[in-house]
Amino acid sequence: MTESKENTEPDFESRLKELEKLVEKLESGDLTLDESLAHYRRGVELARDCHGHLEKARLTIEELAEVDDESSARPFDDRE
């Protein structure tokens, strides 16, 4: 069985964790200029990707919260 591209890509949490580690390395001051630039470049890629995931999640939430028929609307905290 083959895995889809979606299953082989790191998830949001993995990307965020990688970004946090890159920031720690950059803040340590122990990297060469070339290493710093490479880490910074990767960090920008990860930050943009994470932002895209968050934006997609926000749009999904807005879509799910949208009510087509006001008569069927009810608060989320009303549980049966």
C-alpha atoms as a PDB file:
ATOM      1  CA  MET A   1       0.000   0.000   0.000  1.00  0.00           C
ATOM      2  CA  THR A   2       1.351   3.449  -0.861  1.00  0.00           C
ATOM      3  CA  GLU A   3       1.106   6.407   1.471  1.00  0.00           C
ATOM      4  CA  SER A   4      -0.377   9.641   0.253  1.00  0.00           C
ATOM      5  CA  LYS A   5       1.722  12.815   0.174  1.00  0.00           C
ATOM      6  CA  GLU A   6      -0.337  14.142   3.067  1.00  0.00           C
ATOM      7  CA  ASN A   7       0.664  11.208   5.286  1.00  0.00           C
ATOM      8  CA  THR A   8       4.384  11.499   4.513  1.00  0.00           C
ATOM      9  CA  GLU A   9       4.682  15.245   5.195  1.00  0.00           C
ATOM     10  CA  PRO A  10       5.418  16.371   8.760  1.00  0.00           C
ATOM     11  CA  ASP A  11       2.405  17.693  10.617  1.00  0.00           C
ATOM     12  CA  PHE A  12       1.972  21.194  12.023  1.00  0.00           C
ATOM     13  CA  GLU A  13       3.293  20.241  15.446  1.00  0.00           C
ATOM     14  CA  SER A  14       6.468  18.688  13.991  1.00  0.00           C
ATOM     15  CA  ARG A  15       7.131  21.763  11.898  1.00  0.00           C
ATOM     16  CA  LEU A  16       6.577  24.054  14.864  1.00  0.00           C
ATOM     17  CA  LYS A  17       8.927  21.987  17.021  1.00  0.00           C
ATOM     18  CA  GLU A  18      11.603  22.151  14.303  1.00  0.00           C
ATOM     19  CA  LEU A  19      11.125  25.912  14.078  1.00  0.00           C
ATOM     20  CA  GLU A  20      11.519  26.266  17.852  1.00  0.00           C
ATOM     21  CA  LYS A  21      14.779  24.282  17.753  1.00  0.00           C
ATOM     22  CA  LEU A  22      16.103  26.463  14.938  1.00  0.00           C
ATOM     23  CA  VAL A  23      15.302  29.598  16.942  1.00  0.00           C
ATOM     24  CA  GLU A  24      17.147  28.182  19.962  1.00  0.00           C
ATOM     25  CA  LYS A  25      20.219  27.459  17.826  1.00  0.00           C
ATOM     26  CA  LEU A  26      20.127  30.921  16.278  1.00  0.00           C
ATOM     27  CA  GLU A  27      19.757  32.568  19.682  1.00  0.00           C
ATOM     28  CA  SER A  28      22.689  30.596  21.099  1.00  0.00           C
ATOM     29  CA  GLY A  29      25.129  32.537  18.923  1.00  0.00           C
ATOM     30  CA  ASP A  30      27.241  29.422  18.353  1.00  0.00           C
ATOM     31  CA  LEU A  31      26.597  29.171  14.602  1.00  0.00           C
ATOM     32  CA  THR A  32      28.755  30.452  11.790  1.00  0.00           C
ATOM     33  CA  LEU A  33      27.330  33.085   9.484  1.00  0.00           C
ATOM     34  CA  ASP A  34      26.611  30.491   6.788  1.00  0.00           C
ATOM     35  CA  GLU A  35      24.947  28.163   9.298  1.00  0.00           C
ATOM     36  CA  SER A  36      22.895  31.061  10.659  1.00  0.00           C
ATOM     37  CA  LEU A  37      21.708  31.999   7.180  1.00  0.00           C
ATOM     38  CA  ALA A  38      20.772  28.405   6.386  1.00  0.00           C
ATOM     39  CA  HIS A  39      18.884  28.075   9.673  1.00  0.00           C
ATOM     40  CA  TYR A  40      17.164  31.405   9.109  1.00  0.00           C
ATOM     41  CA  ARG A  41      16.119  30.394   5.592  1.00  0.00           C
ATOM     42  CA  ARG A  42      14.688  27.104   6.871  1.00  0.00           C
ATOM     43  CA  GLY A  43      12.960  28.957   9.709  1.00  0.00           C
ATOM     44  CA  VAL A  44      11.245  31.309   7.274  1.00  0.00           C
ATOM     45  CA  GLU A  45      10.033  28.325   5.240  1.00  0.00           C
ATOM     46  CA  LEU A  46       8.686  26.629   8.364  1.00  0.00           C
ATOM     47  CA  ALA A  47       7.056  29.817   9.675  1.00  0.00           C
ATOM     48  CA  ARG A  48       5.281  30.400   6.362  1.00  0.00           C
ATOM     49  CA  ASP A  49       4.157  26.788   6.247  1.00  0.00           C
ATOM     50  CA  CYS A  50       2.866  26.924   9.833  1.00  0.00           C
ATOM     51  CA  HIS A  51       1.054  30.167   9.062  1.00  0.00           C
ATOM     52  CA  GLY A  52      -0.576  28.482   6.060  1.00  0.00           C
ATOM     53  CA  HIS A  53      -1.747  25.595   8.221  1.00  0.00           C
ATOM     54  CA  LEU A  54      -3.181  27.976  10.806  1.00  0.00           C
ATOM     55  CA  GLU A  55      -4.945  29.996   8.122  1.00  0.00           C
ATOM     56  CA  LYS A  56      -6.433  26.825   6.647  1.00  0.00           C
ATOM     57  CA  ALA A  57      -7.637  25.755  10.095  1.00  0.00           C
ATOM     58  CA  ARG A  58      -9.147  29.204  10.700  1.00  0.00           C
ATOM     59  CA  LEU A  59     -11.039  29.054   7.420  1.00  0.00           C
ATOM     60  CA  THR A  60     -12.293  25.556   8.232  1.00  0.00           C
ATOM     61  CA  ILE A  61     -13.550  26.729  11.620  1.00  0.00           C
ATOM     62  CA  GLU A  62     -15.277  29.726  10.059  1.00  0.00           C
ATOM     63  CA  GLU A  63     -16.906  27.479   7.480  1.00  0.00           C
ATOM     64  CA  LEU A  64     -18.109  25.047  10.117  1.00  0.00           C
ATOM     65  CA  ALA A  65     -19.423  27.827  12.327  1.00  0.00           C
ATOM     66  CA  GLU A  66     -21.310  29.443   9.475  1.00  0.00           C
ATOM     67  CA  VAL A  67     -25.036  28.961   9.750  1.00  0.00           C
ATOM     68  CA  ASP A  68     -27.105  28.661   6.593  1.00  0.00           C
ATOM     69  CA  ASP A  69     -30.417  28.604   8.377  1.00  0.00           C
ATOM     70  CA  GLU A  70     -30.692  30.802  11.488  1.00  0.00           C
ATOM     71  CA  SER A  71     -33.632  28.729  12.778  1.00  0.00           C
ATOM     72  CA  SER A  72     -31.351  25.715  13.204  1.00  0.00           C
ATOM     73  CA  ALA A  73     -28.577  27.671  14.936  1.00  0.00           C
ATOM     74  CA  ARG A  74     -27.706  26.933  18.541  1.00  0.00           C
ATOM     75  CA  PRO A  75     -24.723  27.660  20.786  1.00  0.00           C
ATOM     76  CA  PHE A  76     -21.845  25.162  20.698  1.00  0.00           C
ATOM     77  CA  ASP A  77     -22.029  24.618  24.452  1.00  0.00           C
ATOM     78  CA  ASP A  78     -25.605  23.240  24.306  1.00  0.00           C
ATOM     79  CA  ARG A  79     -25.171  19.502  24.576  1.00  0.00           C
ATOM     80  CA  GLU A  80     -27.910  16.960  24.418  1.00  0.00           C
END
